[in-house]
């Protein structure tokens, strides 16, 4: 049995989190900070390392500018807080699971890790391997856990949705659209939006805890 917790979009409010059950893997799907300042990254990494999980894995989000603009500085912070794992278009295998993490998203105002919809962002999605157990992206696929309350236009990525249909990861975890928090099971993929804050940036949602037993997924 493998116990996994998903969180996302904590925006410096990670200390408010409850219901972190501990276990094998803790995954954060980006927006650890407000603007990705050095001290914000340091504070998050210190907290993240201290959590009661064997493996701690995260990606950056659109607020996490330091990972895009100051990668050498961030690399030093990550080395100091090893063995936490940051993924940026990278594959890692832990607990027998193949996990790919990528921070890119369709252009969203003037934030970090923005790419134009269509061919530009598709080049990043083309890097995603087949036969994945867990795909971590910051933003959701279009039409899946991607709606802002009170608005009627889905905000997810069509290219990502098409890629997920093609490559069929067993699990896709994201955040970015705070009120999209929740889970959804499609034919081939479990989808999780693990955002913690609401649209007012107030802690509102709880971490999502799952367990895998002989390939079967159960939401706790």
N, C-alpha and C. Protein backbone atom coordinates (compact mmCIF):
# COMPACT_ATOMS: atom_id res chain seq x y z
N UNK A 1 0.84 -1.20 0.00
CA UNK A 1 0.00 0.00 0.00
C UNK A 1 0.88 1.25 0.00
N UNK A 2 0.50 2.22 -0.83
CA UNK A 2 1.22 3.49 -0.91
C UNK A 2 0.27 4.62 -0.53
N UNK A 3 0.68 5.44 0.42
CA UNK A 3 -0.13 6.58 0.87
C UNK A 3 0.44 7.87 0.29
N UNK A 4 -0.41 8.64 -0.38
CA UNK A 4 0.01 9.86 -1.08
C UNK A 4 -0.92 11.00 -0.68
N UNK A 5 -0.34 12.18 -0.49
CA UNK A 5 -1.12 13.39 -0.23
C UNK A 5 -0.83 14.42 -1.31
N UNK A 6 -1.89 15.05 -1.83
CA UNK A 6 -1.79 16.11 -2.83
C UNK A 6 -2.16 17.45 -2.20
N UNK A 7 -1.35 18.48 -2.46
CA UNK A 7 -1.66 19.85 -2.09
C UNK A 7 -1.22 20.77 -3.23
N UNK A 8 -1.75 21.98 -3.25
CA UNK A 8 -1.35 22.96 -4.25
C UNK A 8 -1.80 24.34 -3.79
N UNK A 9 -1.20 25.37 -4.38
CA UNK A 9 -1.63 26.76 -4.19
C UNK A 9 -1.76 27.11 -2.71
N UNK A 10 -0.66 26.96 -2.01
CA UNK A 10 -0.63 27.34 -0.59
C UNK A 10 -0.21 28.80 -0.40
N UNK A 11 0.51 29.37 -1.35
CA UNK A 11 0.81 30.82 -1.36
C UNK A 11 1.29 31.32 0.01
N UNK A 12 2.33 30.70 0.54
CA UNK A 12 2.94 31.08 1.81
C UNK A 12 2.12 30.71 3.04
N UNK A 13 0.98 30.05 2.85
CA UNK A 13 0.11 29.72 3.99
C UNK A 13 0.15 28.23 4.31
N UNK A 14 1.28 27.62 4.02
CA UNK A 14 1.44 26.19 4.25
C UNK A 14 1.30 25.82 5.73
N UNK A 15 1.64 26.75 6.63
CA UNK A 15 1.55 26.45 8.06
C UNK A 15 0.11 26.29 8.54
N UNK A 16 -0.85 26.71 7.72
CA UNK A 16 -2.26 26.57 8.09
C UNK A 16 -2.83 25.20 7.73
N UNK A 17 -2.04 24.39 7.03
CA UNK A 17 -2.57 23.12 6.54
C UNK A 17 -2.85 22.15 7.69
N UNK A 18 -3.99 21.47 7.56
CA UNK A 18 -4.36 20.41 8.48
C UNK A 18 -4.60 19.14 7.67
N UNK A 19 -4.75 18.03 8.36
CA UNK A 19 -5.06 16.75 7.72
C UNK A 19 -3.95 16.25 6.82
N UNK A 20 -2.70 16.62 7.14
CA UNK A 20 -1.56 15.98 6.49
C UNK A 20 -1.28 14.69 7.26
N UNK A 21 -1.69 13.58 6.69
CA UNK A 21 -1.71 12.32 7.43
C UNK A 21 -0.35 11.66 7.55
N UNK A 22 0.62 12.13 6.77
CA UNK A 22 1.90 11.44 6.69
C UNK A 22 1.78 10.23 5.78
N UNK A 23 2.92 9.73 5.35
CA UNK A 23 2.86 8.57 4.46
C UNK A 23 4.07 8.48 3.57
N UNK A 24 3.84 8.00 2.36
CA UNK A 24 4.94 7.71 1.45
C UNK A 24 5.33 8.91 0.59
N UNK A 25 4.35 9.63 0.03
CA UNK A 25 4.65 10.71 -0.92
C UNK A 25 3.76 11.91 -0.63
N UNK A 26 4.36 13.09 -0.56
CA UNK A 26 3.65 14.36 -0.50
C UNK A 26 3.96 15.12 -1.78
N UNK A 27 2.91 15.52 -2.51
CA UNK A 27 3.08 16.21 -3.80
C UNK A 27 2.41 17.57 -3.74
N UNK A 28 3.16 18.61 -4.11
CA UNK A 28 2.64 19.99 -4.19
C UNK A 28 2.69 20.42 -5.66
N UNK A 29 1.53 20.87 -6.18
CA UNK A 29 1.41 21.17 -7.62
C UNK A 29 1.59 22.66 -7.94
N UNK A 30 2.39 23.37 -7.15
CA UNK A 30 2.79 24.72 -7.52
C UNK A 30 2.06 25.85 -6.82
N UNK A 31 2.63 27.07 -6.99
CA UNK A 31 2.22 28.26 -6.24
C UNK A 31 2.44 28.05 -4.75
N UNK A 32 3.71 27.84 -4.43
CA UNK A 32 4.13 27.73 -3.04
C UNK A 32 4.21 29.10 -2.38
N UNK A 33 4.25 30.17 -3.19
CA UNK A 33 4.60 31.50 -2.70
C UNK A 33 3.66 32.57 -3.24
N UNK A 34 3.96 33.82 -2.91
CA UNK A 34 3.22 34.94 -3.49
C UNK A 34 3.88 35.43 -4.77
N UNK A 35 5.24 35.54 -4.73
CA UNK A 35 5.98 36.03 -5.90
C UNK A 35 7.29 35.27 -6.13
N UNK A 36 7.53 34.23 -5.37
CA UNK A 36 8.75 33.45 -5.56
C UNK A 36 10.00 34.14 -5.09
N UNK A 37 9.86 34.98 -4.05
CA UNK A 37 11.05 35.61 -3.46
C UNK A 37 11.90 34.56 -2.77
N UNK A 38 13.19 34.88 -2.62
CA UNK A 38 14.13 33.93 -2.03
C UNK A 38 13.66 33.48 -0.65
N UNK A 39 13.26 34.42 0.20
CA UNK A 39 12.88 34.05 1.57
C UNK A 39 11.61 33.20 1.57
N UNK A 40 10.70 33.41 0.60
CA UNK A 40 9.50 32.60 0.52
C UNK A 40 9.84 31.16 0.16
N UNK A 41 10.73 31.00 -0.80
CA UNK A 41 11.14 29.66 -1.20
C UNK A 41 11.85 28.94 -0.06
N UNK A 42 12.70 29.66 0.65
CA UNK A 42 13.40 29.07 1.79
C UNK A 42 12.42 28.61 2.87
N UNK A 43 11.45 29.46 3.19
CA UNK A 43 10.49 29.12 4.24
C UNK A 43 9.65 27.91 3.84
N UNK A 44 9.24 27.87 2.57
CA UNK A 44 8.47 26.71 2.11
C UNK A 44 9.30 25.44 2.17
N UNK A 45 10.52 25.50 1.66
CA UNK A 45 11.36 24.30 1.61
C UNK A 45 11.65 23.78 3.02
N UNK A 46 11.87 24.67 3.98
CA UNK A 46 12.11 24.25 5.36
C UNK A 46 10.89 23.51 5.89
N UNK A 47 9.71 24.07 5.65
CA UNK A 47 8.47 23.42 6.10
C UNK A 47 8.25 22.09 5.38
N UNK A 48 8.44 22.11 4.07
CA UNK A 48 8.19 20.92 3.24
C UNK A 48 9.07 19.76 3.69
N UNK A 49 10.33 20.05 3.93
CA UNK A 49 11.26 19.00 4.34
C UNK A 49 10.84 18.37 5.66
N UNK A 50 10.23 19.15 6.53
CA UNK A 50 9.89 18.68 7.87
C UNK A 50 8.64 17.79 7.91
N UNK A 51 7.91 17.70 6.80
CA UNK A 51 6.67 16.94 6.80
C UNK A 51 6.95 15.43 6.86
N UNK A 52 6.02 14.71 7.46
CA UNK A 52 6.21 13.29 7.77
C UNK A 52 5.87 12.40 6.58
N UNK A 53 6.65 12.56 5.53
CA UNK A 53 6.50 11.76 4.32
C UNK A 53 7.89 11.29 3.88
N UNK A 54 7.95 10.10 3.32
CA UNK A 54 9.23 9.58 2.85
C UNK A 54 9.77 10.39 1.68
N UNK A 55 8.89 10.75 0.75
CA UNK A 55 9.29 11.51 -0.43
C UNK A 55 8.44 12.78 -0.51
N UNK A 56 9.10 13.92 -0.78
CA UNK A 56 8.40 15.19 -0.89
C UNK A 56 8.76 15.82 -2.23
N UNK A 57 7.75 15.96 -3.09
CA UNK A 57 7.94 16.34 -4.50
C UNK A 57 7.08 17.55 -4.80
N UNK A 58 7.65 18.54 -5.53
CA UNK A 58 6.84 19.70 -5.91
C UNK A 58 7.28 20.28 -7.24
N UNK A 59 6.38 21.08 -7.80
CA UNK A 59 6.69 21.88 -8.99
C UNK A 59 6.44 23.34 -8.66
N UNK A 60 6.83 24.23 -9.55
CA UNK A 60 6.52 25.65 -9.41
C UNK A 60 5.18 25.96 -10.06
N UNK A 61 4.64 27.13 -9.72
CA UNK A 61 3.43 27.63 -10.35
C UNK A 61 3.64 29.04 -10.88
N UNK A 62 2.59 29.65 -11.35
CA UNK A 62 2.73 30.95 -12.00
C UNK A 62 3.16 32.07 -11.04
N UNK A 63 2.97 31.89 -9.75
CA UNK A 63 3.43 32.89 -8.78
C UNK A 63 4.90 32.70 -8.40
N UNK A 64 5.48 31.59 -8.73
CA UNK A 64 6.79 31.22 -8.20
C UNK A 64 7.92 31.69 -9.12
N UNK A 65 8.04 33.01 -9.25
CA UNK A 65 8.96 33.63 -10.20
C UNK A 65 10.42 33.21 -10.01
N UNK A 66 10.83 32.98 -8.77
CA UNK A 66 12.23 32.67 -8.52
C UNK A 66 12.72 31.45 -9.29
N UNK A 67 11.83 30.48 -9.49
CA UNK A 67 12.23 29.26 -10.19
C UNK A 67 12.50 29.52 -11.67
N UNK A 68 11.85 30.54 -12.22
CA UNK A 68 12.08 30.88 -13.63
C UNK A 68 13.21 31.89 -13.78
N UNK A 69 13.26 32.89 -12.91
CA UNK A 69 14.20 34.00 -13.09
C UNK A 69 15.54 33.80 -12.40
N UNK A 70 15.60 32.98 -11.36
CA UNK A 70 16.84 32.80 -10.59
C UNK A 70 17.09 31.32 -10.32
N UNK A 71 17.21 30.52 -11.37
CA UNK A 71 17.34 29.07 -11.16
C UNK A 71 18.58 28.67 -10.39
N UNK A 72 19.70 29.40 -10.54
CA UNK A 72 20.92 29.04 -9.81
C UNK A 72 20.74 29.27 -8.32
N UNK A 73 20.08 30.37 -7.98
CA UNK A 73 19.80 30.66 -6.57
C UNK A 73 18.87 29.61 -5.98
N UNK A 74 17.86 29.23 -6.73
CA UNK A 74 16.92 28.21 -6.27
C UNK A 74 17.61 26.87 -6.12
N UNK A 75 18.53 26.55 -7.02
CA UNK A 75 19.26 25.28 -6.93
C UNK A 75 20.04 25.18 -5.62
N UNK A 76 20.60 26.28 -5.17
CA UNK A 76 21.33 26.30 -3.90
C UNK A 76 20.38 26.04 -2.73
N UNK A 77 19.20 26.63 -2.79
CA UNK A 77 18.21 26.41 -1.73
C UNK A 77 17.78 24.95 -1.71
N UNK A 78 17.53 24.39 -2.88
CA UNK A 78 17.10 23.00 -2.96
C UNK A 78 18.18 22.05 -2.46
N UNK A 79 19.43 22.36 -2.75
CA UNK A 79 20.54 21.54 -2.25
C UNK A 79 20.57 21.57 -0.72
N UNK A 80 20.34 22.75 -0.16
CA UNK A 80 20.39 22.91 1.30
C UNK A 80 19.29 22.10 1.97
N UNK A 81 18.12 22.04 1.31
CA UNK A 81 16.97 21.35 1.91
C UNK A 81 16.74 19.96 1.31
N UNK A 82 17.77 19.40 0.69
CA UNK A 82 17.67 18.02 0.21
C UNK A 82 17.29 17.12 1.38
N UNK A 83 16.52 16.05 1.08
CA UNK A 83 16.23 15.46 -0.22
C UNK A 83 14.87 15.82 -0.81
N UNK A 84 14.29 16.99 -0.51
CA UNK A 84 13.06 17.36 -1.22
C UNK A 84 13.35 17.43 -2.71
N UNK A 85 12.33 17.19 -3.52
CA UNK A 85 12.53 17.03 -4.96
C UNK A 85 11.71 18.07 -5.71
N UNK A 86 12.38 18.88 -6.53
CA UNK A 86 11.71 19.82 -7.42
C UNK A 86 11.79 19.28 -8.85
N UNK A 87 10.66 19.25 -9.54
CA UNK A 87 10.61 18.75 -10.91
C UNK A 87 10.25 19.88 -11.87
N UNK A 88 11.02 20.00 -12.93
CA UNK A 88 10.70 20.94 -14.01
C UNK A 88 10.99 20.23 -15.33
N UNK A 89 9.93 19.65 -15.91
CA UNK A 89 10.07 18.82 -17.10
C UNK A 89 11.03 17.67 -16.82
N UNK A 90 10.75 16.98 -15.73
CA UNK A 90 11.62 15.89 -15.30
C UNK A 90 10.79 14.71 -14.81
N UNK A 91 11.42 13.54 -14.90
CA UNK A 91 10.83 12.27 -14.47
C UNK A 91 11.58 11.77 -13.26
N UNK A 92 10.82 11.25 -12.28
CA UNK A 92 11.44 10.58 -11.14
C UNK A 92 10.64 9.33 -10.86
N UNK A 93 11.28 8.32 -10.30
CA UNK A 93 10.59 7.10 -9.92
C UNK A 93 10.79 6.88 -8.43
N UNK A 94 9.68 6.86 -7.68
CA UNK A 94 9.73 6.59 -6.25
C UNK A 94 8.61 5.62 -5.90
N UNK A 95 8.87 4.77 -4.93
CA UNK A 95 7.87 3.78 -4.49
C UNK A 95 7.30 2.99 -5.68
N UNK A 96 8.13 2.80 -6.69
CA UNK A 96 7.70 2.06 -7.87
C UNK A 96 6.80 2.84 -8.81
N UNK A 97 6.64 4.16 -8.57
CA UNK A 97 5.75 4.99 -9.38
C UNK A 97 6.57 5.95 -10.24
N UNK A 98 6.17 6.06 -11.52
CA UNK A 98 6.80 7.00 -12.43
C UNK A 98 6.04 8.33 -12.36
N UNK A 99 6.77 9.41 -12.00
CA UNK A 99 6.15 10.71 -11.75
C UNK A 99 6.86 11.76 -12.60
N UNK A 100 6.06 12.53 -13.34
CA UNK A 100 6.58 13.63 -14.17
C UNK A 100 5.99 14.94 -13.67
N UNK A 101 6.85 15.96 -13.52
CA UNK A 101 6.37 17.27 -13.08
C UNK A 101 6.78 18.37 -14.02
N UNK A 102 5.86 19.30 -14.29
CA UNK A 102 6.13 20.41 -15.20
C UNK A 102 5.31 21.64 -14.78
N UNK A 103 5.91 22.83 -14.76
CA UNK A 103 5.23 24.02 -14.23
C UNK A 103 4.48 24.85 -15.26
N UNK A 104 4.58 24.52 -16.53
CA UNK A 104 4.08 25.42 -17.59
C UNK A 104 2.55 25.48 -17.62
N UNK A 105 2.04 26.57 -18.14
CA UNK A 105 0.59 26.78 -18.20
C UNK A 105 0.26 27.67 -19.39
N UNK A 106 -0.97 27.63 -19.90
CA UNK A 106 -1.39 28.59 -20.93
C UNK A 106 -1.28 30.01 -20.39
N UNK A 107 -0.94 30.93 -21.28
CA UNK A 107 -0.69 32.31 -20.86
C UNK A 107 -1.81 32.84 -19.98
N UNK A 108 -1.42 33.38 -18.81
CA UNK A 108 -2.34 33.85 -17.79
C UNK A 108 -1.81 35.18 -17.26
N UNK A 109 -2.34 36.28 -17.83
CA UNK A 109 -1.82 37.62 -17.54
C UNK A 109 -0.30 37.60 -17.74
N UNK A 110 0.46 38.26 -16.86
CA UNK A 110 1.91 38.33 -17.06
C UNK A 110 2.61 37.62 -15.90
N UNK A 111 2.33 36.31 -15.79
CA UNK A 111 2.89 35.55 -14.69
C UNK A 111 4.00 34.62 -15.19
N UNK A 112 4.59 33.91 -14.25
CA UNK A 112 5.70 33.00 -14.56
C UNK A 112 5.21 31.76 -15.31
N UNK A 113 6.13 31.16 -16.04
CA UNK A 113 5.90 29.89 -16.74
C UNK A 113 4.70 29.95 -17.69
N UNK A 114 4.51 31.11 -18.31
CA UNK A 114 3.46 31.29 -19.30
C UNK A 114 3.94 30.86 -20.69
N UNK A 115 3.07 30.18 -21.41
CA UNK A 115 3.31 29.88 -22.82
C UNK A 115 1.99 30.04 -23.57
N UNK A 116 2.09 30.41 -24.83
CA UNK A 116 0.88 30.56 -25.64
C UNK A 116 0.22 29.20 -25.85
N UNK A 117 -1.11 29.21 -25.89
CA UNK A 117 -1.85 28.00 -26.22
C UNK A 117 -1.52 27.57 -27.65
N UNK A 118 -1.63 26.31 -27.91
CA UNK A 118 -1.33 25.82 -29.26
C UNK A 118 0.06 25.23 -29.34
N UNK A 119 0.75 25.52 -30.42
CA UNK A 119 2.03 24.87 -30.70
C UNK A 119 3.08 25.12 -29.62
N UNK A 120 3.10 26.34 -29.04
CA UNK A 120 4.15 26.66 -28.08
C UNK A 120 4.05 25.79 -26.83
N UNK A 121 2.87 25.72 -26.24
CA UNK A 121 2.75 24.90 -25.03
C UNK A 121 2.75 23.42 -25.35
N UNK A 122 2.33 23.05 -26.55
CA UNK A 122 2.31 21.64 -26.92
C UNK A 122 3.72 21.05 -26.91
N UNK A 123 4.73 21.87 -27.20
CA UNK A 123 6.10 21.39 -27.17
C UNK A 123 6.48 20.90 -25.77
N UNK A 124 5.95 21.54 -24.74
CA UNK A 124 6.19 21.08 -23.37
C UNK A 124 5.41 19.81 -23.07
N UNK A 125 4.15 19.77 -23.51
CA UNK A 125 3.35 18.57 -23.25
C UNK A 125 3.90 17.36 -24.02
N UNK A 126 4.54 17.60 -25.15
CA UNK A 126 5.12 16.49 -25.91
C UNK A 126 6.25 15.79 -25.15
N UNK A 127 6.83 16.48 -24.18
CA UNK A 127 7.90 15.89 -23.37
C UNK A 127 7.37 14.88 -22.36
N UNK A 128 6.08 14.94 -22.07
CA UNK A 128 5.49 14.06 -21.06
C UNK A 128 5.60 12.61 -21.54
N UNK A 129 6.17 11.72 -20.73
CA UNK A 129 6.33 10.33 -21.17
C UNK A 129 5.00 9.56 -21.18
N UNK A 130 5.00 8.48 -21.89
CA UNK A 130 3.93 7.50 -21.79
C UNK A 130 4.12 6.68 -20.51
N UNK A 131 3.10 5.92 -20.15
CA UNK A 131 3.18 4.96 -19.04
C UNK A 131 3.47 5.64 -17.70
N UNK A 132 2.94 6.84 -17.51
CA UNK A 132 3.13 7.54 -16.24
C UNK A 132 2.12 7.05 -15.21
N UNK A 133 2.58 7.01 -13.98
CA UNK A 133 1.65 6.80 -12.87
C UNK A 133 1.06 8.13 -12.41
N UNK A 134 1.90 9.17 -12.29
CA UNK A 134 1.42 10.47 -11.82
C UNK A 134 2.01 11.57 -12.69
N UNK A 135 1.13 12.41 -13.23
CA UNK A 135 1.51 13.62 -13.94
C UNK A 135 1.16 14.81 -13.06
N UNK A 136 2.14 15.68 -12.82
CA UNK A 136 1.92 16.89 -12.03
C UNK A 136 2.06 18.09 -12.96
N UNK A 137 1.01 18.88 -13.09
CA UNK A 137 1.08 20.16 -13.80
C UNK A 137 0.48 21.21 -12.88
N UNK A 138 0.81 22.48 -13.13
CA UNK A 138 0.22 23.50 -12.26
C UNK A 138 -1.25 23.73 -12.62
N UNK A 139 -1.55 23.84 -13.90
CA UNK A 139 -2.91 24.12 -14.34
C UNK A 139 -3.65 22.87 -14.74
N UNK A 140 -4.97 22.92 -14.78
CA UNK A 140 -5.79 21.77 -15.15
C UNK A 140 -5.95 21.62 -16.65
N UNK A 141 -6.44 20.48 -17.05
CA UNK A 141 -6.89 20.27 -18.42
C UNK A 141 -8.26 20.93 -18.61
N UNK A 142 -8.54 21.34 -19.83
CA UNK A 142 -9.80 22.06 -20.07
C UNK A 142 -11.00 21.16 -19.75
N UNK A 143 -11.97 21.75 -19.06
CA UNK A 143 -13.20 21.05 -18.77
C UNK A 143 -13.15 20.14 -17.56
N UNK A 144 -12.01 20.08 -16.88
CA UNK A 144 -11.86 19.18 -15.74
C UNK A 144 -11.33 19.96 -14.55
N UNK A 145 -12.18 20.24 -13.58
CA UNK A 145 -11.79 20.91 -12.35
C UNK A 145 -11.10 22.24 -12.64
N UNK A 146 -11.67 23.00 -13.60
CA UNK A 146 -11.00 24.22 -14.07
C UNK A 146 -11.92 25.44 -14.08
N UNK A 147 -13.01 25.39 -13.28
CA UNK A 147 -13.97 26.49 -13.31
C UNK A 147 -13.84 27.39 -12.09
N UNK A 148 -13.88 28.69 -12.32
CA UNK A 148 -13.96 29.66 -11.23
C UNK A 148 -15.42 29.88 -10.89
N UNK A 149 -15.74 29.87 -9.61
CA UNK A 149 -17.12 30.03 -9.17
C UNK A 149 -17.70 31.33 -9.71
N UNK A 150 -18.91 31.24 -10.29
CA UNK A 150 -19.59 32.42 -10.81
C UNK A 150 -19.24 32.76 -12.24
N UNK A 151 -18.29 32.03 -12.83
CA UNK A 151 -17.92 32.25 -14.22
C UNK A 151 -18.25 31.00 -15.02
N UNK A 152 -18.44 31.17 -16.32
CA UNK A 152 -18.96 30.07 -17.13
C UNK A 152 -17.97 29.58 -18.18
N UNK A 153 -16.77 30.12 -18.19
CA UNK A 153 -15.79 29.72 -19.19
C UNK A 153 -14.73 28.82 -18.56
N UNK A 154 -14.54 27.62 -19.06
CA UNK A 154 -13.47 26.77 -18.52
C UNK A 154 -12.11 27.38 -18.81
N UNK A 155 -11.20 27.25 -17.85
CA UNK A 155 -9.91 27.94 -17.94
C UNK A 155 -8.74 26.99 -18.18
N UNK A 156 -9.01 25.71 -18.26
CA UNK A 156 -7.94 24.75 -18.45
C UNK A 156 -7.37 24.74 -19.86
N UNK A 157 -6.44 23.85 -20.09
CA UNK A 157 -5.68 23.79 -21.34
C UNK A 157 -6.18 22.67 -22.24
N UNK A 158 -6.61 23.03 -23.45
CA UNK A 158 -7.07 22.03 -24.41
C UNK A 158 -5.92 21.11 -24.84
N UNK A 159 -4.75 21.68 -25.08
CA UNK A 159 -3.60 20.86 -25.48
C UNK A 159 -3.26 19.83 -24.41
N UNK A 160 -3.34 20.24 -23.14
CA UNK A 160 -3.06 19.30 -22.05
C UNK A 160 -4.13 18.20 -22.01
N UNK A 161 -5.38 18.58 -22.18
CA UNK A 161 -6.46 17.58 -22.19
C UNK A 161 -6.23 16.55 -23.29
N UNK A 162 -5.86 17.01 -24.49
CA UNK A 162 -5.61 16.10 -25.60
C UNK A 162 -4.43 15.17 -25.31
N UNK A 163 -3.39 15.74 -24.68
CA UNK A 163 -2.20 14.95 -24.36
C UNK A 163 -2.51 13.89 -23.32
N UNK A 164 -3.33 14.24 -22.33
CA UNK A 164 -3.71 13.26 -21.31
C UNK A 164 -4.53 12.13 -21.92
N UNK A 165 -5.42 12.47 -22.84
CA UNK A 165 -6.18 11.43 -23.53
C UNK A 165 -5.27 10.49 -24.31
N UNK A 166 -4.22 11.06 -24.88
CA UNK A 166 -3.30 10.26 -25.69
C UNK A 166 -2.38 9.40 -24.82
N UNK A 167 -1.83 9.99 -23.75
CA UNK A 167 -0.79 9.32 -22.99
C UNK A 167 -1.30 8.58 -21.75
N UNK A 168 -2.51 8.91 -21.32
CA UNK A 168 -3.22 8.15 -20.30
C UNK A 168 -2.44 7.94 -19.00
N UNK A 169 -1.96 9.01 -18.37
CA UNK A 169 -1.39 8.83 -17.04
C UNK A 169 -2.47 8.31 -16.09
N UNK A 170 -2.06 7.52 -15.12
CA UNK A 170 -3.05 6.98 -14.19
C UNK A 170 -3.65 8.07 -13.29
N UNK A 171 -2.80 9.06 -12.93
CA UNK A 171 -3.22 10.16 -12.07
C UNK A 171 -2.71 11.46 -12.65
N UNK A 172 -3.55 12.48 -12.66
CA UNK A 172 -3.13 13.84 -12.99
C UNK A 172 -3.49 14.74 -11.82
N UNK A 173 -2.48 15.41 -11.25
CA UNK A 173 -2.72 16.33 -10.14
C UNK A 173 -2.30 17.73 -10.55
N UNK A 174 -3.14 18.72 -10.19
CA UNK A 174 -2.89 20.11 -10.57
C UNK A 174 -3.43 21.02 -9.48
N UNK A 175 -3.46 22.31 -9.77
CA UNK A 175 -4.03 23.33 -8.90
C UNK A 175 -4.44 24.52 -9.75
N UNK A 176 -3.94 25.70 -9.39
CA UNK A 176 -4.06 26.94 -10.17
C UNK A 176 -5.46 27.55 -10.10
N UNK A 177 -6.48 26.80 -10.46
CA UNK A 177 -7.86 27.29 -10.37
C UNK A 177 -8.41 26.86 -9.01
N UNK A 178 -8.36 27.79 -8.05
CA UNK A 178 -8.59 27.42 -6.66
C UNK A 178 -9.94 26.75 -6.43
N UNK A 179 -10.99 27.31 -7.02
CA UNK A 179 -12.32 26.75 -6.76
C UNK A 179 -12.58 25.48 -7.57
N UNK A 180 -11.58 25.04 -8.32
CA UNK A 180 -11.69 23.75 -9.00
C UNK A 180 -11.33 22.58 -8.10
N UNK A 181 -11.01 22.85 -6.85
CA UNK A 181 -10.59 21.80 -5.92
C UNK A 181 -11.55 20.60 -5.96
N UNK A 182 -10.96 19.42 -6.00
CA UNK A 182 -11.77 18.21 -5.98
C UNK A 182 -11.13 17.12 -6.81
N UNK A 183 -11.90 16.08 -7.12
CA UNK A 183 -11.38 14.99 -7.93
C UNK A 183 -12.45 14.49 -8.89
N UNK A 184 -11.96 13.86 -9.96
CA UNK A 184 -12.83 13.38 -11.03
C UNK A 184 -12.16 12.19 -11.70
N UNK A 185 -12.91 11.15 -11.94
CA UNK A 185 -12.36 9.95 -12.59
C UNK A 185 -12.86 9.88 -14.03
N UNK A 186 -11.94 9.98 -14.99
CA UNK A 186 -12.28 9.75 -16.39
C UNK A 186 -12.02 8.28 -16.72
N UNK A 187 -12.13 7.93 -17.98
CA UNK A 187 -12.00 6.52 -18.34
C UNK A 187 -10.66 5.94 -17.95
N UNK A 188 -9.58 6.72 -18.16
CA UNK A 188 -8.25 6.19 -17.94
C UNK A 188 -7.49 6.89 -16.82
N UNK A 189 -7.95 8.05 -16.35
CA UNK A 189 -7.15 8.90 -15.47
C UNK A 189 -7.98 9.44 -14.30
N UNK A 190 -7.39 9.37 -13.11
CA UNK A 190 -7.93 10.10 -11.97
C UNK A 190 -7.38 11.52 -12.02
N UNK A 191 -8.25 12.51 -11.94
CA UNK A 191 -7.85 13.92 -11.95
C UNK A 191 -8.06 14.52 -10.56
N UNK A 192 -7.06 15.25 -10.06
CA UNK A 192 -7.15 15.90 -8.76
C UNK A 192 -6.73 17.36 -8.89
N UNK A 193 -7.59 18.27 -8.46
CA UNK A 193 -7.19 19.67 -8.26
C UNK A 193 -7.03 19.83 -6.75
N UNK A 194 -5.80 20.05 -6.33
CA UNK A 194 -5.46 20.02 -4.90
C UNK A 194 -5.27 21.40 -4.30
N UNK A 195 -5.84 22.44 -4.92
CA UNK A 195 -5.72 23.80 -4.38
C UNK A 195 -6.21 23.85 -2.94
N UNK A 196 -5.51 24.60 -2.13
CA UNK A 196 -5.85 24.74 -0.71
C UNK A 196 -6.60 26.03 -0.43
N UNK A 197 -6.24 27.13 -1.11
CA UNK A 197 -6.87 28.42 -0.85
C UNK A 197 -8.10 28.60 -1.74
N UNK A 198 -9.02 29.46 -1.30
CA UNK A 198 -10.14 29.84 -2.15
C UNK A 198 -9.74 31.05 -3.00
N UNK A 199 -10.69 31.62 -3.73
CA UNK A 199 -10.37 32.74 -4.62
C UNK A 199 -9.96 33.99 -3.86
N UNK A 200 -10.28 34.07 -2.58
CA UNK A 200 -9.86 35.19 -1.74
C UNK A 200 -8.52 34.93 -1.07
N UNK A 201 -7.86 33.84 -1.46
CA UNK A 201 -6.55 33.45 -0.92
C UNK A 201 -6.62 33.18 0.58
N UNK A 202 -7.73 32.59 0.98
CA UNK A 202 -7.92 32.19 2.37
C UNK A 202 -7.93 30.67 2.43
N UNK A 203 -7.22 30.05 3.40
CA UNK A 203 -7.23 28.58 3.49
C UNK A 203 -8.65 28.05 3.64
N UNK A 204 -9.05 27.20 2.71
CA UNK A 204 -10.44 26.77 2.66
C UNK A 204 -10.58 25.26 2.45
N UNK A 205 -9.71 24.69 1.62
CA UNK A 205 -9.81 23.27 1.28
C UNK A 205 -8.75 22.47 2.02
N UNK A 206 -9.03 21.20 2.20
CA UNK A 206 -8.09 20.31 2.88
C UNK A 206 -7.23 19.56 1.86
N UNK A 207 -6.06 19.09 2.29
CA UNK A 207 -5.26 18.22 1.43
C UNK A 207 -6.07 17.01 0.98
N UNK A 208 -5.71 16.48 -0.18
CA UNK A 208 -6.36 15.27 -0.70
C UNK A 208 -5.45 14.10 -0.42
N UNK A 209 -5.96 13.15 0.34
CA UNK A 209 -5.19 11.96 0.71
C UNK A 209 -5.74 10.75 -0.04
N UNK A 210 -4.84 9.98 -0.64
CA UNK A 210 -5.25 8.76 -1.34
C UNK A 210 -4.36 7.61 -0.91
N UNK A 211 -4.79 6.42 -1.22
CA UNK A 211 -3.92 5.27 -1.06
C UNK A 211 -4.05 4.37 -2.29
N UNK A 212 -2.95 3.77 -2.66
CA UNK A 212 -2.90 2.83 -3.77
C UNK A 212 -2.63 1.44 -3.20
N UNK A 213 -3.51 0.51 -3.54
CA UNK A 213 -3.35 -0.88 -3.11
C UNK A 213 -3.50 -1.77 -4.33
N UNK A 214 -2.42 -2.41 -4.70
CA UNK A 214 -2.46 -3.31 -5.87
C UNK A 214 -3.01 -2.61 -7.10
N UNK A 215 -2.61 -1.34 -7.29
CA UNK A 215 -3.02 -0.59 -8.46
C UNK A 215 -4.38 0.06 -8.35
N UNK A 216 -5.12 -0.21 -7.28
CA UNK A 216 -6.44 0.39 -7.09
C UNK A 216 -6.31 1.65 -6.22
N UNK A 217 -6.98 2.71 -6.65
CA UNK A 217 -6.90 3.99 -5.95
C UNK A 217 -8.12 4.22 -5.09
N UNK A 218 -7.89 4.66 -3.86
CA UNK A 218 -8.97 5.00 -2.94
C UNK A 218 -8.72 6.39 -2.38
N UNK A 219 -9.70 7.28 -2.48
CA UNK A 219 -9.61 8.61 -1.87
C UNK A 219 -10.03 8.48 -0.41
N UNK A 220 -9.18 8.93 0.49
CA UNK A 220 -9.43 8.77 1.93
C UNK A 220 -10.32 9.90 2.47
